[in-house]
């Protein structure tokens, strides 16, 4: 690779310094490297982290410097470009951004020598159906989460799979997750850990008001619909939807969101063939 685009979380001073070092190291090797810093100003005018139209056409890969959040935001925003992405971890866990500061130079050397492979990750698309007939949609690499909004109370949810009624929950929320997201919020909610190269959909209730609740594992060719229930007033904002914890939408009682696999994928750059089990053991202790 000869052309690189760096996305850095400029709210983290150490990440900004690391981005400058990465840029200089690549340029010293004769490579072309562009740098985009993303902070509050970058988010104030829109819902997304990165403007893909600012990425020059000759760029061959994106390097995201920050934590897993930075990598998630960047991957969603550049998915339409088809560019592969490498994460450099400046956060605490770094399960997705697997390159640590201690081996950044070795990683960059591998990129420069084209010693890498691409791992595709499944993504999901969520479509919100409004009471007035309008539709809003967005995509997620990790998960789409529907949670209560406002005062402390549970929310009633009806769940459908391919338009067939599955069950009802009275809970704090619902997580619809990809295999990549199984080590995120779903894991904290008691869900299973799934190999990221799998292709399926996980459905997990958050603090459900029931004695028995288990994550439901579904094939990747179905659509999951979550309907918000509980009020006769369609204008009441009952819940909030988040896409990878990045963009948020309010949803009223009587409205619903449908989540399904999208043909778009995130292309992660991998520099070694470390197994899923080894990575799980090292990152999650």
C-alpha atoms as a PDB file:
ATOM      1  CA  UNK A   1       0.000   0.000   0.000  1.00  0.00           C
ATOM      2  CA  UNK A   2       1.146   3.511  -0.808  1.00  0.00           C
ATOM      3  CA  UNK A   3      -1.814   5.768   0.069  1.00  0.00           C
ATOM      4  CA  UNK A   4      -3.276   5.991   3.570  1.00  0.00           C
ATOM      5  CA  UNK A   5      -6.014   7.967   5.322  1.00  0.00           C
ATOM      6  CA  UNK A   6      -5.831   8.421   9.097  1.00  0.00           C
ATOM      7  CA  UNK A   7      -8.916   9.034  11.213  1.00  0.00           C
ATOM      8  CA  UNK A   8      -8.078  10.020  14.789  1.00  0.00           C
ATOM      9  CA  UNK A   9     -10.179  10.814  17.832  1.00  0.00           C
ATOM     10  CA  UNK A  10      -8.909  14.326  18.477  1.00  0.00           C
ATOM     11  CA  UNK A  11     -10.559  14.350  21.908  1.00  0.00           C
ATOM     12  CA  UNK A  12      -7.739  12.041  23.020  1.00  0.00           C
ATOM     13  CA  UNK A  13      -4.444  13.929  23.169  1.00  0.00           C
ATOM     14  CA  UNK A  14      -2.378  10.748  23.087  1.00  0.00           C
ATOM     15  CA  UNK A  15      -4.241   9.571  19.968  1.00  0.00           C
ATOM     16  CA  UNK A  16      -3.473  12.848  18.167  1.00  0.00           C
ATOM     17  CA  UNK A  17       0.221  12.518  18.999  1.00  0.00           C
ATOM     18  CA  UNK A  18       0.201   8.906  17.840  1.00  0.00           C
ATOM     19  CA  UNK A  19      -1.453   9.923  14.550  1.00  0.00           C
ATOM     20  CA  UNK A  20       1.309  12.456  13.901  1.00  0.00           C
ATOM     21  CA  UNK A  21       3.932   9.771  14.520  1.00  0.00           C
ATOM     22  CA  UNK A  22       2.173   7.319  12.200  1.00  0.00           C
ATOM     23  CA  UNK A  23       1.920   9.931   9.462  1.00  0.00           C
ATOM     24  CA  UNK A  24       5.591  10.832   9.717  1.00  0.00           C
ATOM     25  CA  UNK A  25       6.700   7.194   9.781  1.00  0.00           C
ATOM     26  CA  UNK A  26       4.757   6.397   6.618  1.00  0.00           C
ATOM     27  CA  UNK A  27       5.917   9.541   4.842  1.00  0.00           C
ATOM     28  CA  UNK A  28       9.524   8.758   5.748  1.00  0.00           C
ATOM     29  CA  UNK A  29       9.001   5.514   3.857  1.00  0.00           C
ATOM     30  CA  UNK A  30       7.876   7.439   0.791  1.00  0.00           C
ATOM     31  CA  UNK A  31       4.149   6.823   1.318  1.00  0.00           C
ATOM     32  CA  UNK A  32       1.328   9.351   0.954  1.00  0.00           C
ATOM     33  CA  UNK A  33      -0.675   9.844   4.135  1.00  0.00           C
ATOM     34  CA  UNK A  34      -3.698  12.072   4.773  1.00  0.00           C
ATOM     35  CA  UNK A  35      -4.870  12.995   8.271  1.00  0.00           C
ATOM     36  CA  UNK A  36      -8.383  13.784   9.454  1.00  0.00           C
ATOM     37  CA  UNK A  37      -9.004  14.678  13.076  1.00  0.00           C
ATOM     38  CA  UNK A  38     -12.486  14.104  14.473  1.00  0.00           C
ATOM     39  CA  UNK A  39     -13.789  15.755  17.620  1.00  0.00           C
ATOM     40  CA  UNK A  40     -16.901  17.603  18.776  1.00  0.00           C
ATOM     41  CA  UNK A  41     -16.728  20.080  15.864  1.00  0.00           C
ATOM     42  CA  UNK A  42     -16.779  17.226  13.369  1.00  0.00           C
ATOM     43  CA  UNK A  43     -19.937  15.847  14.928  1.00  0.00           C
ATOM     44  CA  UNK A  44     -21.801  19.111  15.513  1.00  0.00           C
ATOM     45  CA  UNK A  45     -23.054  19.493  11.944  1.00  0.00           C
ATOM     46  CA  UNK A  46     -24.201  15.897  11.419  1.00  0.00           C
ATOM     47  CA  UNK A  47     -24.720  12.468  12.845  1.00  0.00           C
ATOM     48  CA  UNK A  48     -21.545  10.845  11.581  1.00  0.00           C
ATOM     49  CA  UNK A  49     -17.891  10.848  12.478  1.00  0.00           C
ATOM     50  CA  UNK A  50     -16.230  11.026   9.082  1.00  0.00           C
ATOM     51  CA  UNK A  51     -17.161  12.605   5.765  1.00  0.00           C
ATOM     52  CA  UNK A  52     -16.227   9.939   3.176  1.00  0.00           C
ATOM     53  CA  UNK A  53     -16.289  12.521   0.385  1.00  0.00           C
ATOM     54  CA  UNK A  54     -13.103  14.032   1.868  1.00  0.00           C
ATOM     55  CA  UNK A  55     -11.145  10.807   1.323  1.00  0.00           C
ATOM     56  CA  UNK A  56      -9.004  11.107  -1.846  1.00  0.00           C
ATOM     57  CA  UNK A  57      -9.744   8.527  -4.545  1.00  0.00           C
ATOM     58  CA  UNK A  58      -6.234   7.050  -4.503  1.00  0.00           C
ATOM     59  CA  UNK A  59      -6.419   6.071  -0.813  1.00  0.00           C
ATOM     60  CA  UNK A  60      -6.000   2.320  -0.339  1.00  0.00           C
ATOM     61  CA  UNK A  61      -6.826   1.923   3.356  1.00  0.00           C
ATOM     62  CA  UNK A  62      -8.024   3.764   6.434  1.00  0.00           C
ATOM     63  CA  UNK A  63      -6.198   3.736   9.764  1.00  0.00           C
ATOM     64  CA  UNK A  64      -8.418   4.553  12.761  1.00  0.00           C
ATOM     65  CA  UNK A  65      -6.535   5.713  15.851  1.00  0.00           C
ATOM     66  CA  UNK A  66      -8.402   5.836  19.160  1.00  0.00           C
ATOM     67  CA  UNK A  67     -10.377   3.013  20.699  1.00  0.00           C
ATOM     68  CA  UNK A  68     -13.081   0.607  19.656  1.00  0.00           C
ATOM     69  CA  UNK A  69     -15.551   3.509  19.521  1.00  0.00           C
ATOM     70  CA  UNK A  70     -13.407   5.395  17.014  1.00  0.00           C
ATOM     71  CA  UNK A  71     -13.096   2.275  14.879  1.00  0.00           C
ATOM     72  CA  UNK A  72     -16.846   1.617  14.987  1.00  0.00           C
ATOM     73  CA  UNK A  73     -17.711   5.178  14.002  1.00  0.00           C
ATOM     74  CA  UNK A  74     -15.187   5.255  11.191  1.00  0.00           C
ATOM     75  CA  UNK A  75     -16.159   1.856   9.813  1.00  0.00           C
ATOM     76  CA  UNK A  76     -19.830   2.853   9.559  1.00  0.00           C
ATOM     77  CA  UNK A  77     -19.006   6.070   7.782  1.00  0.00           C
ATOM     78  CA  UNK A  78     -16.615   4.663   5.173  1.00  0.00           C
ATOM     79  CA  UNK A  79     -18.567   1.484   4.419  1.00  0.00           C
ATOM     80  CA  UNK A  80     -19.778   2.945   1.128  1.00  0.00           C
ATOM     81  CA  UNK A  81     -16.202   3.423  -0.075  1.00  0.00           C
ATOM     82  CA  UNK A  82     -15.284  -0.252   0.223  1.00  0.00           C
ATOM     83  CA  UNK A  83     -11.972   0.697   1.850  1.00  0.00           C
ATOM     84  CA  UNK A  84     -10.414  -1.700   4.380  1.00  0.00           C
ATOM     85  CA  UNK A  85      -9.737  -0.345   7.863  1.00  0.00           C
ATOM     86  CA  UNK A  86      -7.062  -0.978  10.500  1.00  0.00           C
ATOM     87  CA  UNK A  87      -7.565   0.019  14.130  1.00  0.00           C
ATOM     88  CA  UNK A  88      -4.786   1.232  16.440  1.00  0.00           C
ATOM     89  CA  UNK A  89      -5.880   0.993  20.049  1.00  0.00           C
ATOM     90  CA  UNK A  90      -5.452   4.022  22.310  1.00  0.00           C
ATOM     91  CA  UNK A  91      -8.321   3.024  24.598  1.00  0.00           C
ATOM     92  CA  UNK A  92      -8.723   0.544  27.429  1.00  0.00           C
ATOM     93  CA  UNK A  93      -9.972  -2.686  25.853  1.00  0.00           C
ATOM     94  CA  UNK A  94      -9.210  -2.541  22.153  1.00  0.00           C
ATOM     95  CA  UNK A  95     -11.014  -5.738  21.227  1.00  0.00           C
ATOM     96  CA  UNK A  96     -11.739  -4.475  17.704  1.00  0.00           C
ATOM     97  CA  UNK A  97      -8.773  -2.109  17.338  1.00  0.00           C
ATOM     98  CA  UNK A  98      -6.282  -4.893  17.833  1.00  0.00           C
ATOM     99  CA  UNK A  99      -2.983  -3.081  17.046  1.00  0.00           C
ATOM    100  CA  UNK A 100      -1.366  -1.822  20.240  1.00  0.00           C
ATOM    101  CA  UNK A 101       0.971   1.166  20.471  1.00  0.00           C
ATOM    102  CA  UNK A 102       3.910  -1.128  21.215  1.00  0.00           C
ATOM    103  CA  UNK A 103       3.768  -2.754  17.771  1.00  0.00           C
ATOM    104  CA  UNK A 104       2.543   0.080  15.560  1.00  0.00           C
ATOM    105  CA  UNK A 105       5.741   0.258  13.496  1.00  0.00           C
ATOM    106  CA  UNK A 106       5.720  -3.459  12.808  1.00  0.00           C
ATOM    107  CA  UNK A 107       2.100  -3.167  11.697  1.00  0.00           C
ATOM    108  CA  UNK A 108       2.858  -0.257   9.370  1.00  0.00           C
ATOM    109  CA  UNK A 109       5.782  -2.166   7.893  1.00  0.00           C
ATOM    110  CA  UNK A 110       3.455  -5.070   7.111  1.00  0.00           C
ATOM    111  CA  UNK A 111       1.014  -2.728   5.387  1.00  0.00           C
ATOM    112  CA  UNK A 112       3.798  -1.172   3.342  1.00  0.00           C
ATOM    113  CA  UNK A 113       4.931  -4.646   2.211  1.00  0.00           C
ATOM    114  CA  UNK A 114       1.339  -5.739   1.477  1.00  0.00           C
ATOM    115  CA  UNK A 115       1.609  -8.463   4.125  1.00  0.00           C
ATOM    116  CA  UNK A 116      -1.978  -8.537   5.349  1.00  0.00           C
ATOM    117  CA  UNK A 117      -5.351 -10.112   4.651  1.00  0.00           C
ATOM    118  CA  UNK A 118      -8.932  -8.839   4.776  1.00  0.00           C
ATOM    119  CA  UNK A 119     -11.595 -10.106   7.153  1.00  0.00           C
ATOM    120  CA  UNK A 120     -15.169  -9.183   6.237  1.00  0.00           C
ATOM    121  CA  UNK A 121     -17.630  -8.447   9.024  1.00  0.00           C
ATOM    122  CA  UNK A 122     -21.407  -8.617   8.754  1.00  0.00           C
ATOM    123  CA  UNK A 123     -23.437  -5.436   9.271  1.00  0.00           C
ATOM    124  CA  UNK A 124     -27.138  -4.790   9.899  1.00  0.00           C
ATOM    125  CA  UNK A 125     -29.480  -2.075   8.702  1.00  0.00           C
ATOM    126  CA  UNK A 126     -32.258  -0.683  10.871  1.00  0.00           C
ATOM    127  CA  UNK A 127     -35.326   1.002   9.370  1.00  0.00           C
ATOM    128  CA  UNK A 128     -37.606   3.042  11.642  1.00  0.00           C
ATOM    129  CA  UNK A 129     -41.245   3.195  10.552  1.00  0.00           C
ATOM    130  CA  UNK A 130     -42.963   6.335  11.826  1.00  0.00           C
ATOM    131  CA  UNK A 131     -46.633   6.770  12.622  1.00  0.00           C
ATOM    132  CA  UNK A 132     -46.888   9.409   9.851  1.00  0.00           C
ATOM    133  CA  UNK A 133     -45.524   7.009   7.245  1.00  0.00           C
ATOM    134  CA  UNK A 134     -41.986   8.374   7.154  1.00  0.00           C
ATOM    135  CA  UNK A 135     -38.990   6.043   7.293  1.00  0.00           C
ATOM    136  CA  UNK A 136     -35.484   6.597   8.653  1.00  0.00           C
ATOM    137  CA  UNK A 137     -32.626   4.135   8.392  1.00  0.00           C
ATOM    138  CA  UNK A 138     -28.990   3.614   9.350  1.00  0.00           C
ATOM    139  CA  UNK A 139     -26.471   0.780   9.610  1.00  0.00           C
ATOM    140  CA  UNK A 140     -24.458  -0.775  12.421  1.00  0.00           C
ATOM    141  CA  UNK A 141     -21.437  -3.039  12.732  1.00  0.00           C
ATOM    142  CA  UNK A 142     -21.922  -3.955  16.411  1.00  0.00           C
ATOM    143  CA  UNK A 143     -25.556  -3.533  17.357  1.00  0.00           C
ATOM    144  CA  UNK A 144     -28.786  -1.604  17.206  1.00  0.00           C
ATOM    145  CA  UNK A 145     -30.168  -0.949  20.700  1.00  0.00           C
ATOM    146  CA  UNK A 146     -33.688   0.174  21.611  1.00  0.00           C
ATOM    147  CA  UNK A 147     -33.839   1.482  25.175  1.00  0.00           C
ATOM    148  CA  UNK A 148     -36.232   3.386  27.435  1.00  0.00           C
ATOM    149  CA  UNK A 149     -36.115   7.165  27.405  1.00  0.00           C
ATOM    150  CA  UNK A 150     -37.008   9.696  30.064  1.00  0.00           C
ATOM    151  CA  UNK A 151     -38.337   8.611  33.433  1.00  0.00           C
ATOM    152  CA  UNK A 152     -37.300   5.346  35.038  1.00  0.00           C
ATOM    153  CA  UNK A 153     -39.735   2.748  33.745  1.00  0.00           C
ATOM    154  CA  UNK A 154     -39.859  -0.417  31.710  1.00  0.00           C
ATOM    155  CA  UNK A 155     -41.119  -0.451  28.142  1.00  0.00           C
ATOM    156  CA  UNK A 156     -43.350  -3.011  26.449  1.00  0.00           C
ATOM    157  CA  UNK A 157     -41.959  -4.494  23.259  1.00  0.00           C
ATOM    158  CA  UNK A 158     -43.500  -6.821  20.693  1.00  0.00           C
ATOM    159  CA  UNK A 159     -40.976  -8.853  18.688  1.00  0.00           C
ATOM    160  CA  UNK A 160     -41.621 -10.206  15.197  1.00  0.00           C
ATOM    161  CA  UNK A 161     -39.393 -12.369  12.989  1.00  0.00           C
ATOM    162  CA  UNK A 162     -40.200 -12.083   9.285  1.00  0.00           C
ATOM    163  CA  UNK A 163     -43.547 -10.514  10.277  1.00  0.00           C
ATOM    164  CA  UNK A 164     -44.425 -13.524  12.442  1.00  0.00           C
ATOM    165  CA  UNK A 165     -45.041 -12.695  16.108  1.00  0.00           C
ATOM    166  CA  UNK A 166     -42.310 -14.171  18.340  1.00  0.00           C
ATOM    167  CA  UNK A 167     -42.859 -12.814  21.855  1.00  0.00           C
ATOM    168  CA  UNK A 168     -43.423  -9.772  24.052  1.00  0.00           C
ATOM    169  CA  UNK A 169     -40.993  -8.281  26.552  1.00  0.00           C
ATOM    170  CA  UNK A 170     -41.440  -5.810  29.369  1.00  0.00           C
ATOM    171  CA  UNK A 171     -37.850  -4.624  29.739  1.00  0.00           C
ATOM    172  CA  UNK A 172     -35.408  -1.739  29.807  1.00  0.00           C
ATOM    173  CA  UNK A 173     -34.552  -2.377  26.185  1.00  0.00           C
ATOM    174  CA  UNK A 174     -33.733  -4.737  23.326  1.00  0.00           C
ATOM    175  CA  UNK A 175     -30.342  -5.373  21.699  1.00  0.00           C
ATOM    176  CA  UNK A 176     -30.183  -6.618  18.113  1.00  0.00           C
ATOM    177  CA  UNK A 177     -26.560  -7.598  17.580  1.00  0.00           C
ATOM    178  CA  UNK A 178     -24.183  -8.953  14.952  1.00  0.00           C
ATOM    179  CA  UNK A 179     -21.487 -11.535  15.776  1.00  0.00           C
ATOM    180  CA  UNK A 180     -18.983  -8.651  16.003  1.00  0.00           C
ATOM    181  CA  UNK A 181     -21.222  -7.003  18.584  1.00  0.00           C
ATOM    182  CA  UNK A 182     -21.495 -10.171  20.683  1.00  0.00           C
ATOM    183  CA  UNK A 183     -18.449  -9.028  22.691  1.00  0.00           C
ATOM    184  CA  UNK A 184     -19.974  -5.585  23.293  1.00  0.00           C
ATOM    185  CA  UNK A 185     -23.229  -4.595  24.985  1.00  0.00           C
ATOM    186  CA  UNK A 186     -24.752  -8.026  24.345  1.00  0.00           C
ATOM    187  CA  UNK A 187     -21.973  -9.654  26.386  1.00  0.00           C
ATOM    188  CA  UNK A 188     -22.671  -7.300  29.305  1.00  0.00           C
ATOM    189  CA  UNK A 189     -26.351  -8.246  29.090  1.00  0.00           C
ATOM    190  CA  UNK A 190     -25.545 -11.940  29.454  1.00  0.00           C
ATOM    191  CA  UNK A 191     -25.521 -12.887  25.794  1.00  0.00           C
ATOM    192  CA  UNK A 192     -23.265 -15.494  24.137  1.00  0.00           C
ATOM    193  CA  UNK A 193     -19.876 -14.822  22.578  1.00  0.00           C
ATOM    194  CA  UNK A 194     -19.930 -15.566  18.849  1.00  0.00           C
ATOM    195  CA  UNK A 195     -17.031 -15.903  16.437  1.00  0.00           C
ATOM    196  CA  UNK A 196     -16.933 -12.710  14.329  1.00  0.00           C
ATOM    197  CA  UNK A 197     -16.746 -14.626  11.050  1.00  0.00           C
ATOM    198  CA  UNK A 198     -20.201 -16.105  11.710  1.00  0.00           C
ATOM    199  CA  UNK A 199     -23.275 -14.650  10.023  1.00  0.00           C
ATOM    200  CA  UNK A 200     -26.304 -14.497  12.308  1.00  0.00           C
ATOM    201  CA  UNK A 201     -28.423 -12.128  14.390  1.00  0.00           C
ATOM    202  CA  UNK A 202     -28.613 -12.060  18.201  1.00  0.00           C
ATOM    203  CA  UNK A 203     -31.687 -10.781  20.038  1.00  0.00           C
ATOM    204  CA  UNK A 204     -31.211  -9.936  23.740  1.00  0.00           C
ATOM    205  CA  UNK A 205     -33.613  -8.280  26.202  1.00  0.00           C
ATOM    206  CA  UNK A 206     -32.177  -5.768  28.678  1.00  0.00           C
ATOM    207  CA  UNK A 207     -33.257  -6.402  32.292  1.00  0.00           C
ATOM    208  CA  UNK A 208     -36.530  -8.071  31.263  1.00  0.00           C
ATOM    209  CA  UNK A 209     -39.318  -8.304  33.853  1.00  0.00           C
ATOM    210  CA  UNK A 210     -39.390 -12.090  33.772  1.00  0.00           C
ATOM    211  CA  UNK A 211     -37.854 -15.013  35.636  1.00  0.00           C
ATOM    212  CA  UNK A 212     -36.415 -16.585  32.492  1.00  0.00           C
ATOM    213  CA  UNK A 213     -34.789 -14.776  29.594  1.00  0.00           C
ATOM    214  CA  UNK A 214     -32.212 -15.982  27.091  1.00  0.00           C
ATOM    215  CA  UNK A 215     -30.626 -14.490  24.009  1.00  0.00           C
ATOM    216  CA  UNK A 216     -32.334 -15.722  20.850  1.00  0.00           C
ATOM    217  CA  UNK A 217     -29.982 -16.651  18.002  1.00  0.00           C
ATOM    218  CA  UNK A 218     -31.457 -16.219  14.512  1.00  0.00           C
ATOM    219  CA  UNK A 219     -30.189 -16.929  10.992  1.00  0.00           C
ATOM    220  CA  UNK A 220     -28.886 -14.004   8.962  1.00  0.00           C
ATOM    221  CA  UNK A 221     -31.634 -14.179   6.338  1.00  0.00           C
ATOM    222  CA  UNK A 222     -34.462 -13.018   8.605  1.00  0.00           C
ATOM    223  CA  UNK A 223     -35.669  -9.577   9.622  1.00  0.00           C
ATOM    224  CA  UNK A 224     -36.384  -8.682  13.247  1.00  0.00           C
ATOM    225  CA  UNK A 225     -39.078  -6.107  14.001  1.00  0.00           C
ATOM    226  CA  UNK A 226     -39.329  -4.427  17.399  1.00  0.00           C
ATOM    227  CA  UNK A 227     -42.614  -2.602  18.070  1.00  0.00           C
ATOM    228  CA  UNK A 228     -42.925  -0.102  20.924  1.00  0.00           C
ATOM    229  CA  UNK A 229     -46.136  -0.564  22.921  1.00  0.00           C
ATOM    230  CA  UNK A 230     -47.760   0.836  26.025  1.00  0.00           C
ATOM    231  CA  UNK A 231     -49.437   4.169  25.270  1.00  0.00           C
ATOM    232  CA  UNK A 232     -52.427   5.370  23.299  1.00  0.00           C
ATOM    233  CA  UNK A 233     -50.673   8.661  22.590  1.00  0.00           C
ATOM    234  CA  UNK A 234     -48.576   8.173  19.412  1.00  0.00           C
ATOM    235  CA  UNK A 235     -46.707  11.419  20.076  1.00  0.00           C
ATOM    236  CA  UNK A 236     -45.174  10.146  23.319  1.00  0.00           C
ATOM    237  CA  UNK A 237     -41.440   9.522  23.031  1.00  0.00           C
ATOM    238  CA  UNK A 238     -41.165   6.126  24.665  1.00  0.00           C
ATOM    239  CA  UNK A 239     -37.750   4.897  23.617  1.00  0.00           C
ATOM    240  CA  UNK A 240     -34.484   5.719  21.920  1.00  0.00           C
ATOM    241  CA  UNK A 241     -32.633   3.807  19.217  1.00  0.00           C
ATOM    242  CA  UNK A 242     -28.839   3.844  18.945  1.00  0.00           C
ATOM    243  CA  UNK A 243     -26.723   2.579  16.069  1.00  0.00           C
ATOM    244  CA  UNK A 244     -23.360   1.389  17.424  1.00  0.00           C
ATOM    245  CA  UNK A 245     -23.730   3.966  20.208  1.00  0.00           C
ATOM    246  CA  UNK A 246     -23.025   6.600  17.558  1.00  0.00           C
ATOM    247  CA  UNK A 247     -26.265   7.957  16.092  1.00  0.00           C
ATOM    248  CA  UNK A 248     -29.545   8.170  18.003  1.00  0.00           C
ATOM    249  CA  UNK A 249     -33.219   8.416  17.093  1.00  0.00           C
ATOM    250  CA  UNK A 250     -36.308   8.865  19.256  1.00  0.00           C
ATOM    251  CA  UNK A 251     -39.184   6.458  18.716  1.00  0.00           C
ATOM    252  CA  UNK A 252     -42.757   6.843  19.904  1.00  0.00           C
ATOM    253  CA  UNK A 253     -45.267   4.304  21.145  1.00  0.00           C
ATOM    254  CA  UNK A 254     -46.879   2.435  18.274  1.00  0.00           C
ATOM    255  CA  UNK A 255     -43.852   2.884  16.035  1.00  0.00           C
ATOM    256  CA  UNK A 256     -41.406   0.125  15.124  1.00  0.00           C
ATOM    257  CA  UNK A 257     -37.938  -0.631  13.798  1.00  0.00           C
ATOM    258  CA  UNK A 258     -37.009  -3.490  11.487  1.00  0.00           C
ATOM    259  CA  UNK A 259     -33.437  -4.822  11.546  1.00  0.00           C
ATOM    260  CA  UNK A 260     -31.938  -7.072   8.864  1.00  0.00           C
ATOM    261  CA  UNK A 261     -28.562  -8.021   7.448  1.00  0.00           C
ATOM    262  CA  UNK A 262     -27.274  -5.618   4.815  1.00  0.00           C
ATOM    263  CA  UNK A 263     -25.104  -6.501   1.826  1.00  0.00           C
ATOM    264  CA  UNK A 264     -22.627  -3.849   2.974  1.00  0.00           C
ATOM    265  CA  UNK A 265     -19.714  -5.161   5.017  1.00  0.00           C
ATOM    266  CA  UNK A 266     -16.854  -3.773   7.054  1.00  0.00           C
ATOM    267  CA  UNK A 267     -13.455  -4.875   5.767  1.00  0.00           C
ATOM    268  CA  UNK A 268     -10.992  -5.261   8.652  1.00  0.00           C
ATOM    269  CA  UNK A 269      -7.275  -5.405   7.882  1.00  0.00           C
ATOM    270  CA  UNK A 270      -5.632  -8.325   9.681  1.00  0.00           C
ATOM    271  CA  UNK A 271      -1.859  -8.650   9.973  1.00  0.00           C
ATOM    272  CA  UNK A 272      -1.653 -12.111  11.497  1.00  0.00           C
ATOM    273  CA  UNK A 273      -3.745 -15.237  11.740  1.00  0.00           C
ATOM    274  CA  UNK A 274      -4.269 -15.103  15.504  1.00  0.00           C
ATOM    275  CA  UNK A 275      -7.253 -17.300  16.267  1.00  0.00           C
ATOM    276  CA  UNK A 276     -10.537 -16.017  17.622  1.00  0.00           C
ATOM    277  CA  UNK A 277      -9.971 -18.065  20.784  1.00  0.00           C
ATOM    278  CA  UNK A 278      -6.512 -16.568  21.393  1.00  0.00           C
ATOM    279  CA  UNK A 279      -7.775 -13.032  20.818  1.00  0.00           C
ATOM    280  CA  UNK A 280     -10.695 -13.677  23.152  1.00  0.00           C
ATOM    281  CA  UNK A 281      -8.415 -14.943  25.904  1.00  0.00           C
ATOM    282  CA  UNK A 282      -5.951 -12.063  25.636  1.00  0.00           C
ATOM    283  CA  UNK A 283      -8.412  -9.204  25.240  1.00  0.00           C
ATOM    284  CA  UNK A 284     -11.183 -10.275  27.617  1.00  0.00           C
ATOM    285  CA  UNK A 285      -8.837 -11.883  30.168  1.00  0.00           C
END
